[in-house]
C-alpha atoms as a PDB file:
ATOM      1  CA  MET A   1      14.688  16.256  -5.972  1.00  0.00           C
ATOM      2  CA  ILE A   2      15.103  12.618  -4.931  1.00  0.00           C
ATOM      3  CA  SER A   3      18.222  10.790  -5.788  1.00  0.00           C
ATOM      4  CA  GLU A   4      18.484   7.535  -7.938  1.00  0.00           C
ATOM      5  CA  LYS A   5      19.471   5.699  -4.620  1.00  0.00           C
ATOM      6  CA  GLY A   6      16.415   7.281  -2.971  1.00  0.00           C
ATOM      7  CA  VAL A   7      14.211   6.053  -5.732  1.00  0.00           C
ATOM      8  CA  ILE A   8      15.740   2.574  -5.542  1.00  0.00           C
ATOM      9  CA  ASN A   9      15.406   2.299  -1.873  1.00  0.00           C
ATOM     10  CA  SER A  10      11.801   3.545  -1.620  1.00  0.00           C
ATOM     11  CA  SER A  11      10.752   0.953  -4.475  1.00  0.00           C
ATOM     12  CA  MET A  12      12.482  -2.015  -2.737  1.00  0.00           C
ATOM     13  CA  GLY A  13      10.741  -1.428   0.733  1.00  0.00           C
ATOM     14  CA  ASN A  14      13.736  -0.039   2.683  1.00  0.00           C
ATOM     15  CA  HIS A  15      11.432   2.413   4.434  1.00  0.00           C
ATOM     16  CA  GLY A  16       9.706  -0.503   5.884  1.00  0.00           C
ATOM     17  CA  GLY A  17       5.909  -1.205   5.766  1.00  0.00           C
ATOM     18  CA  LYS A  18       2.694  -2.438   7.598  1.00  0.00           C
ATOM     19  CA  TYR A  19       1.210  -5.870   7.614  1.00  0.00           C
ATOM     20  CA  ILE A  20      -2.540  -5.237   7.458  1.00  0.00           C
ATOM     21  CA  THR A  21      -5.270  -7.697   8.339  1.00  0.00           C
ATOM     22  CA  ASN A  22      -7.871  -5.579  10.106  1.00  0.00           C
ATOM     23  CA  THR A  23     -10.851  -3.705   8.588  1.00  0.00           C
ATOM     24  CA  SER A  24     -10.081  -0.252  10.120  1.00  0.00           C
ATOM     25  CA  VAL A  25      -8.756   2.758   8.064  1.00  0.00           C
ATOM     26  CA  ASN A  26      -5.072   2.245   8.024  1.00  0.00           C
ATOM     27  CA  THR A  27      -2.655   5.085   7.310  1.00  0.00           C
ATOM     28  CA  PRO A  28       1.097   5.240   6.761  1.00  0.00           C
ATOM     29  CA  THR A  29       3.632   6.629   9.496  1.00  0.00           C
ATOM     30  CA  SER A  30       4.303  10.230   8.859  1.00  0.00           C
ATOM     31  CA  PRO A  31       5.937  11.557   6.723  1.00  0.00           C
ATOM     32  CA  TYR A  32       5.409   8.561   4.277  1.00  0.00           C
ATOM     33  CA  VAL A  33       2.580   7.480   2.073  1.00  0.00           C
ATOM     34  CA  PHE A  34       1.986   3.752   0.994  1.00  0.00           C
ATOM     35  CA  ASN A  35       3.617   3.279  -2.385  1.00  0.00           C
ATOM     36  CA  ALA A  36       3.135  -0.299  -3.100  1.00  0.00           C
ATOM     37  CA  ILE A  37       0.610  -2.743  -1.829  1.00  0.00           C
ATOM     38  CA  GLN A  38       1.259  -6.550  -1.993  1.00  0.00           C
ATOM     39  CA  VAL A  39      -1.730  -8.872  -1.570  1.00  0.00           C
ATOM     40  CA  VAL A  40      -0.804 -11.841   0.967  1.00  0.00           C
ATOM     41  CA  THR A  41      -4.166 -13.386   0.880  1.00  0.00           C
ATOM     42  CA  ASP A  42      -7.110 -12.758  -1.605  1.00  0.00           C
ATOM     43  CA  CYS A  43      -8.813  -9.271  -0.346  1.00  0.00           C
ATOM     44  CA  VAL A  44     -11.368  -6.738  -0.952  1.00  0.00           C
ATOM     45  CA  ILE A  45      -9.708  -3.302  -0.638  1.00  0.00           C
ATOM     46  CA  THR A  46     -10.455   0.413  -0.697  1.00  0.00           C
ATOM     47  CA  CYS A  47      -7.487   2.876  -1.317  1.00  0.00           C
ATOM     48  CA  VAL A  48      -7.454   6.478  -1.293  1.00  0.00           C
ATOM     49  CA  GLY A  49      -4.646   8.116  -3.194  1.00  0.00           C
ATOM     50  CA  ASN A  50      -3.615   9.260  -6.794  1.00  0.00           C
ATOM     51  CA  ILE A  51      -5.431   6.258  -8.496  1.00  0.00           C
ATOM     52  CA  THR A  52      -9.098   6.724  -8.628  1.00  0.00           C
ATOM     53  CA  GLY A  53     -11.600   4.014  -8.429  1.00  0.00           C
ATOM     54  CA  LEU A  54     -10.115   1.644  -5.957  1.00  0.00           C
ATOM     55  CA  THR A  55     -13.326   1.214  -3.916  1.00  0.00           C
ATOM     56  CA  SER A  56     -14.058  -2.357  -2.933  1.00  0.00           C
ATOM     57  CA  VAL A  57     -11.857  -3.929  -5.457  1.00  0.00           C
ATOM     58  CA  SER A  58     -11.054  -7.684  -5.361  1.00  0.00           C
ATOM     59  CA  LEU A  59      -7.328  -8.589  -5.695  1.00  0.00           C
ATOM     60  CA  SER A  60      -5.830 -12.032  -5.766  1.00  0.00           C
ATOM     61  CA  ALA A  61      -2.916 -13.148  -3.526  1.00  0.00           C
ATOM     62  CA  GLY A  62       0.415 -12.227  -5.247  1.00  0.00           C
ATOM     63  CA  SER A  63      -0.878  -9.106  -6.744  1.00  0.00           C
ATOM     64  CA  VAL A  64       0.883  -5.881  -6.313  1.00  0.00           C
ATOM     65  CA  ILE A  65      -0.447  -2.386  -7.003  1.00  0.00           C
ATOM     66  CA  TYR A  66       1.611   0.852  -7.008  1.00  0.00           C
ATOM     67  CA  GLY A  67       0.782   4.473  -6.246  1.00  0.00           C
ATOM     68  CA  ARG A  68       0.699   7.101  -3.456  1.00  0.00           C
ATOM     69  CA  TYR A  69      -1.898   6.005  -1.170  1.00  0.00           C
ATOM     70  CA  THR A  70      -2.715   8.027   2.132  1.00  0.00           C
ATOM     71  CA  SER A  71      -5.136   5.243   3.455  1.00  0.00           C
ATOM     72  CA  ILE A  72      -5.961   1.649   2.909  1.00  0.00           C
ATOM     73  CA  THR A  73      -9.132  -0.141   4.198  1.00  0.00           C
ATOM     74  CA  LEU A  74      -9.694  -3.911   3.937  1.00  0.00           C
ATOM     75  CA  ALA A  75     -13.018  -5.677   3.740  1.00  0.00           C
ATOM     76  CA  SER A  76     -11.192  -8.889   3.877  1.00  0.00           C
ATOM     77  CA  GLY A  77      -7.898 -10.567   3.383  1.00  0.00           C
ATOM     78  CA  SER A  78      -4.428  -9.307   4.199  1.00  0.00           C
ATOM     79  CA  VAL A  79      -1.734  -7.083   2.646  1.00  0.00           C
ATOM     80  CA  ILE A  80       1.748  -5.669   3.168  1.00  0.00           C
ATOM     81  CA  ALA A  81       1.785  -2.020   2.533  1.00  0.00           C
ATOM     82  CA  TYR A  82       5.284  -0.476   1.809  1.00  0.00           C
ATOM     83  CA  TYR A  83       6.296   3.033   2.901  1.00  0.00           C
ATOM     84  CA  GLY A  84       7.656   5.476   0.479  1.00  0.00           C
ATOM     85  CA  GLY A  85       8.272   9.124   0.146  1.00  0.00           C
END
């Protein structure tokens, strides 16, 4: 079981993240998943994870989506994907 401090650290990006601008399939560094995705510039994104239906979804700059994602693919735009446990 994760501690309260662990939950807070994970939700605040203390595990780091990845700035993504390419159109390749991007995966998190092991042993992490992506737990938050912050949109830097308007994007079209496909995510694989615990939320279904995120295929070629348009998101506006400033948007943040949460979940447990094992891969992110952009068609356009840029995001910061934060690592979580």
